[in-house]
Amino acid sequence: MPATVSYHRRVLAPVAAAHALSVLLAAQRLGLGFDGRVQVTVPPTMAPGDAGELSMTILDTPAPRMPLMVRLSSTAVGLPETRLAMRDVVDPLAQQPRIRARFVAPAQPGRYSVEGLVEYVTCDAERCRPRRTTVVWAVVVEQPTEVVP
């Protein structure tokens, strides 16, 4: 193993980890925790295997040209994309952007959840600050009822 790689693993990796931890702790001391403001829409009841859409609106005005990131997860709901960004905003010029994601309902009836972590930046005249919050959608799957003539 070259000396440079060994030096990076032994010295720089622990320094980088310590720096990341200090940034996280400083952010928490400054009150930069989970203070984002996001509203989710309730998806309609789905039939097994149907495709649907999850939607959320950021109630703050994110700073232009700053990162906007959403990470989605679910153990049962099919998510074609789990990482969303500005490219997934319906109207990029909106003051309160709406983001949407596609999903596929599970094959079995039941109540399922999709969780998300939303991160964005807001700025005022004095400073910019990161915002984040968690969101949850309830996806309800029911067998369609047969129409009897």
C-alpha atoms as a PDB file:
ATOM      1  CA  MET A   1       0.000   0.000   0.000  1.00  0.00           C
ATOM      2  CA  PRO A   2       1.472   3.393  -0.964  1.00  0.00           C
ATOM      3  CA  ALA A   3       2.491   5.690   1.892  1.00  0.00           C
ATOM      4  CA  THR A   4       0.031   8.358   0.725  1.00  0.00           C
ATOM      5  CA  VAL A   5      -2.975   6.011   0.998  1.00  0.00           C
ATOM      6  CA  SER A   6      -1.831   4.821   4.407  1.00  0.00           C
ATOM      7  CA  TYR A   7      -1.446   8.429   5.607  1.00  0.00           C
ATOM      8  CA  HIS A   8      -4.938   9.302   4.366  1.00  0.00           C
ATOM      9  CA  ARG A   9      -6.503   6.319   6.138  1.00  0.00           C
ATOM     10  CA  ARG A  10      -4.603   6.764   9.411  1.00  0.00           C
ATOM     11  CA  VAL A  11      -4.625  10.567   9.733  1.00  0.00           C
ATOM     12  CA  LEU A  12      -7.065  12.310   7.414  1.00  0.00           C
ATOM     13  CA  ALA A  13     -10.069   9.977   7.733  1.00  0.00           C
ATOM     14  CA  PRO A  14     -10.350  10.426  11.531  1.00  0.00           C
ATOM     15  CA  VAL A  15      -9.836  14.190  11.126  1.00  0.00           C
ATOM     16  CA  ALA A  16     -12.627  14.371   8.535  1.00  0.00           C
ATOM     17  CA  ALA A  17     -14.965  12.347  10.788  1.00  0.00           C
ATOM     18  CA  ALA A  18     -14.196  14.599  13.758  1.00  0.00           C
ATOM     19  CA  HIS A  19     -14.848  17.691  11.645  1.00  0.00           C
ATOM     20  CA  ALA A  20     -18.202  16.332  10.433  1.00  0.00           C
ATOM     21  CA  LEU A  21     -19.219  15.563  14.013  1.00  0.00           C
ATOM     22  CA  SER A  22     -18.225  19.055  15.183  1.00  0.00           C
ATOM     23  CA  VAL A  23     -20.279  20.650  12.386  1.00  0.00           C
ATOM     24  CA  LEU A  24     -23.299  18.548  13.359  1.00  0.00           C
ATOM     25  CA  LEU A  25     -22.966  19.446  17.042  1.00  0.00           C
ATOM     26  CA  ALA A  26     -22.490  23.142  16.240  1.00  0.00           C
ATOM     27  CA  ALA A  27     -25.611  23.090  14.055  1.00  0.00           C
ATOM     28  CA  GLN A  28     -27.623  21.574  16.905  1.00  0.00           C
ATOM     29  CA  ARG A  29     -26.308  24.182  19.371  1.00  0.00           C
ATOM     30  CA  LEU A  30     -27.344  26.935  16.962  1.00  0.00           C
ATOM     31  CA  GLY A  31     -30.844  25.503  16.721  1.00  0.00           C
ATOM     32  CA  LEU A  32     -30.366  24.196  13.208  1.00  0.00           C
ATOM     33  CA  GLY A  33     -32.220  20.991  13.889  1.00  0.00           C
ATOM     34  CA  PHE A  34     -35.452  19.854  12.331  1.00  0.00           C
ATOM     35  CA  ASP A  35     -37.156  23.199  11.710  1.00  0.00           C
ATOM     36  CA  GLY A  36     -38.189  22.962   8.058  1.00  0.00           C
ATOM     37  CA  ARG A  37     -41.813  23.616   7.185  1.00  0.00           C
ATOM     38  CA  VAL A  38     -43.342  21.157   4.726  1.00  0.00           C
ATOM     39  CA  GLN A  39     -46.922  20.125   4.000  1.00  0.00           C
ATOM     40  CA  VAL A  40     -47.710  16.726   2.477  1.00  0.00           C
ATOM     41  CA  THR A  41     -50.821  15.788   0.536  1.00  0.00           C
ATOM     42  CA  VAL A  42     -52.692  12.613   1.404  1.00  0.00           C
ATOM     43  CA  PRO A  43     -52.622  10.154  -1.489  1.00  0.00           C
ATOM     44  CA  PRO A  44     -55.984   8.600  -2.438  1.00  0.00           C
ATOM     45  CA  THR A  45     -56.784   4.993  -1.536  1.00  0.00           C
ATOM     46  CA  MET A  46     -55.068   2.728  -4.048  1.00  0.00           C
ATOM     47  CA  ALA A  47     -55.772  -0.699  -5.521  1.00  0.00           C
ATOM     48  CA  PRO A  48     -52.994  -3.292  -5.162  1.00  0.00           C
ATOM     49  CA  GLY A  49     -50.161  -2.635  -7.619  1.00  0.00           C
ATOM     50  CA  ASP A  50     -51.518   0.740  -8.786  1.00  0.00           C
ATOM     51  CA  ALA A  51     -49.151   3.613  -9.549  1.00  0.00           C
ATOM     52  CA  GLY A  52     -49.583   6.850  -7.626  1.00  0.00           C
ATOM     53  CA  GLU A  53     -47.941  10.120  -6.726  1.00  0.00           C
ATOM     54  CA  LEU A  54     -46.653  11.521  -3.442  1.00  0.00           C
ATOM     55  CA  SER A  55     -46.633  15.303  -3.189  1.00  0.00           C
ATOM     56  CA  MET A  56     -45.233  17.827  -0.733  1.00  0.00           C
ATOM     57  CA  THR A  57     -45.009  21.607  -0.632  1.00  0.00           C
ATOM     58  CA  ILE A  58     -42.178  23.455   1.090  1.00  0.00           C
ATOM     59  CA  LEU A  59     -43.849  26.295   2.997  1.00  0.00           C
ATOM     60  CA  ASP A  60     -40.649  28.371   3.227  1.00  0.00           C
ATOM     61  CA  THR A  61     -38.998  29.943   0.196  1.00  0.00           C
ATOM     62  CA  PRO A  62     -35.809  27.995  -0.499  1.00  0.00           C
ATOM     63  CA  ALA A  63     -32.822  30.054  -1.580  1.00  0.00           C
ATOM     64  CA  PRO A  64     -32.210  29.982  -5.326  1.00  0.00           C
ATOM     65  CA  ARG A  65     -29.253  27.949  -6.557  1.00  0.00           C
ATOM     66  CA  MET A  66     -28.896  26.246  -3.177  1.00  0.00           C
ATOM     67  CA  PRO A  67     -29.330  22.479  -2.761  1.00  0.00           C
ATOM     68  CA  LEU A  68     -32.763  21.006  -2.191  1.00  0.00           C
ATOM     69  CA  MET A  69     -32.786  17.326  -1.314  1.00  0.00           C
ATOM     70  CA  VAL A  70     -35.447  14.784  -0.408  1.00  0.00           C
ATOM     71  CA  ARG A  71     -34.667  11.188   0.561  1.00  0.00           C
ATOM     72  CA  LEU A  72     -37.559   8.712   0.589  1.00  0.00           C
ATOM     73  CA  SER A  73     -37.797   5.257   2.136  1.00  0.00           C
ATOM     74  CA  SER A  74     -40.394   2.545   2.619  1.00  0.00           C
ATOM     75  CA  THR A  75     -40.240  -1.148   3.364  1.00  0.00           C
ATOM     76  CA  ALA A  76     -43.284  -2.057   1.256  1.00  0.00           C
ATOM     77  CA  VAL A  77     -44.182   0.778  -1.133  1.00  0.00           C
ATOM     78  CA  GLY A  78     -42.321   0.694  -4.459  1.00  0.00           C
ATOM     79  CA  LEU A  79     -40.305   3.877  -4.995  1.00  0.00           C
ATOM     80  CA  PRO A  80     -38.696   4.191  -8.454  1.00  0.00           C
ATOM     81  CA  GLU A  81     -36.643   7.143  -7.164  1.00  0.00           C
ATOM     82  CA  THR A  82     -35.600   7.598  -3.547  1.00  0.00           C
ATOM     83  CA  ARG A  83     -33.515  10.765  -3.994  1.00  0.00           C
ATOM     84  CA  LEU A  84     -35.267  13.869  -5.226  1.00  0.00           C
ATOM     85  CA  ALA A  85     -33.913  17.356  -5.936  1.00  0.00           C
ATOM     86  CA  MET A  86     -34.799  20.588  -7.755  1.00  0.00           C
ATOM     87  CA  ARG A  87     -35.366  18.593 -10.960  1.00  0.00           C
ATOM     88  CA  ASP A  88     -38.450  17.079  -9.259  1.00  0.00           C
ATOM     89  CA  VAL A  89     -40.061  20.448  -8.411  1.00  0.00           C
ATOM     90  CA  VAL A  90     -43.284  20.937 -10.373  1.00  0.00           C
ATOM     91  CA  ASP A  91     -42.771  24.717 -10.887  1.00  0.00           C
ATOM     92  CA  PRO A  92     -39.153  25.804 -10.270  1.00  0.00           C
ATOM     93  CA  LEU A  93     -40.210  29.488 -10.125  1.00  0.00           C
ATOM     94  CA  ALA A  94     -42.782  28.993  -7.326  1.00  0.00           C
ATOM     95  CA  GLN A  95     -42.141  30.700  -3.994  1.00  0.00           C
ATOM     96  CA  GLN A  96     -43.320  27.554  -2.227  1.00  0.00           C
ATOM     97  CA  PRO A  97     -42.135  24.696  -4.429  1.00  0.00           C
ATOM     98  CA  ARG A  98     -44.097  21.482  -4.755  1.00  0.00           C
ATOM     99  CA  ILE A  99     -42.166  18.259  -5.192  1.00  0.00           C
ATOM    100  CA  ARG A 100     -43.686  15.045  -6.413  1.00  0.00           C
ATOM    101  CA  ALA A 101     -42.523  11.451  -6.490  1.00  0.00           C
ATOM    102  CA  ARG A 102     -43.975   8.383  -8.137  1.00  0.00           C
ATOM    103  CA  PHE A 103     -44.745   5.182  -6.223  1.00  0.00           C
ATOM    104  CA  VAL A 104     -46.277   1.758  -6.746  1.00  0.00           C
ATOM    105  CA  ALA A 105     -48.756   0.425  -4.177  1.00  0.00           C
ATOM    106  CA  PRO A 106     -47.943  -2.931  -2.564  1.00  0.00           C
ATOM    107  CA  ALA A 107     -49.677  -6.073  -3.873  1.00  0.00           C
ATOM    108  CA  GLN A 108     -51.413  -6.758  -0.541  1.00  0.00           C
ATOM    109  CA  PRO A 109     -54.162  -4.575   0.971  1.00  0.00           C
ATOM    110  CA  GLY A 110     -53.176  -2.664   4.082  1.00  0.00           C
ATOM    111  CA  ARG A 111     -51.845   0.616   5.418  1.00  0.00           C
ATOM    112  CA  TYR A 112     -48.231   1.437   4.547  1.00  0.00           C
ATOM    113  CA  SER A 113     -45.971   4.411   5.148  1.00  0.00           C
ATOM    114  CA  VAL A 114     -43.406   6.299   3.123  1.00  0.00           C
ATOM    115  CA  GLU A 115     -40.954   8.382   5.125  1.00  0.00           C
ATOM    116  CA  GLY A 116     -38.925  11.282   3.833  1.00  0.00           C
ATOM    117  CA  LEU A 117     -36.117  13.565   4.972  1.00  0.00           C
ATOM    118  CA  VAL A 118     -36.328  17.040   3.406  1.00  0.00           C
ATOM    119  CA  GLU A 119     -33.326  19.400   3.387  1.00  0.00           C
ATOM    120  CA  TYR A 120     -33.126  22.884   1.895  1.00  0.00           C
ATOM    121  CA  VAL A 121     -31.640  26.329   2.610  1.00  0.00           C
ATOM    122  CA  THR A 122     -33.398  29.614   3.323  1.00  0.00           C
ATOM    123  CA  CYS A 123     -31.762  33.037   3.303  1.00  0.00           C
ATOM    124  CA  ASP A 124     -32.703  36.424   4.690  1.00  0.00           C
ATOM    125  CA  ALA A 125     -30.854  39.744   4.440  1.00  0.00           C
ATOM    126  CA  GLU A 126     -28.341  38.707   7.122  1.00  0.00           C
ATOM    127  CA  ARG A 127     -27.627  35.002   6.633  1.00  0.00           C
ATOM    128  CA  CYS A 128     -28.503  31.689   5.085  1.00  0.00           C
ATOM    129  CA  ARG A 129     -29.339  28.630   7.131  1.00  0.00           C
ATOM    130  CA  PRO A 130     -30.051  24.993   6.430  1.00  0.00           C
ATOM    131  CA  ARG A 131     -33.522  23.651   7.131  1.00  0.00           C
ATOM    132  CA  ARG A 132     -34.642  20.072   7.409  1.00  0.00           C
ATOM    133  CA  THR A 133     -37.615  18.068   8.495  1.00  0.00           C
ATOM    134  CA  THR A 134     -39.113  14.632   8.237  1.00  0.00           C
ATOM    135  CA  VAL A 135     -42.375  13.816   6.476  1.00  0.00           C
ATOM    136  CA  VAL A 136     -44.604  10.739   6.378  1.00  0.00           C
ATOM    137  CA  TRP A 137     -47.251   9.680   3.882  1.00  0.00           C
ATOM    138  CA  ALA A 138     -49.848   7.004   4.647  1.00  0.00           C
ATOM    139  CA  VAL A 139     -50.555   4.805   1.626  1.00  0.00           C
ATOM    140  CA  VAL A 140     -53.807   2.845   1.984  1.00  0.00           C
ATOM    141  CA  VAL A 141     -54.282  -0.158  -0.308  1.00  0.00           C
ATOM    142  CA  GLU A 142     -57.715  -1.775  -0.652  1.00  0.00           C
ATOM    143  CA  GLN A 143     -59.136  -4.400  -2.993  1.00  0.00           C
ATOM    144  CA  PRO A 144     -61.513  -2.741  -5.457  1.00  0.00           C
ATOM    145  CA  THR A 145     -65.156  -3.557  -4.841  1.00  0.00           C
ATOM    146  CA  GLU A 146     -67.009  -5.313  -7.633  1.00  0.00           C
ATOM    147  CA  VAL A 147     -69.961  -3.504  -9.117  1.00  0.00           C
ATOM    148  CA  VAL A 148     -72.973  -5.825  -9.265  1.00  0.00           C
ATOM    149  CA  PRO A 149     -75.540  -4.875 -11.949  1.00  0.00           C
END
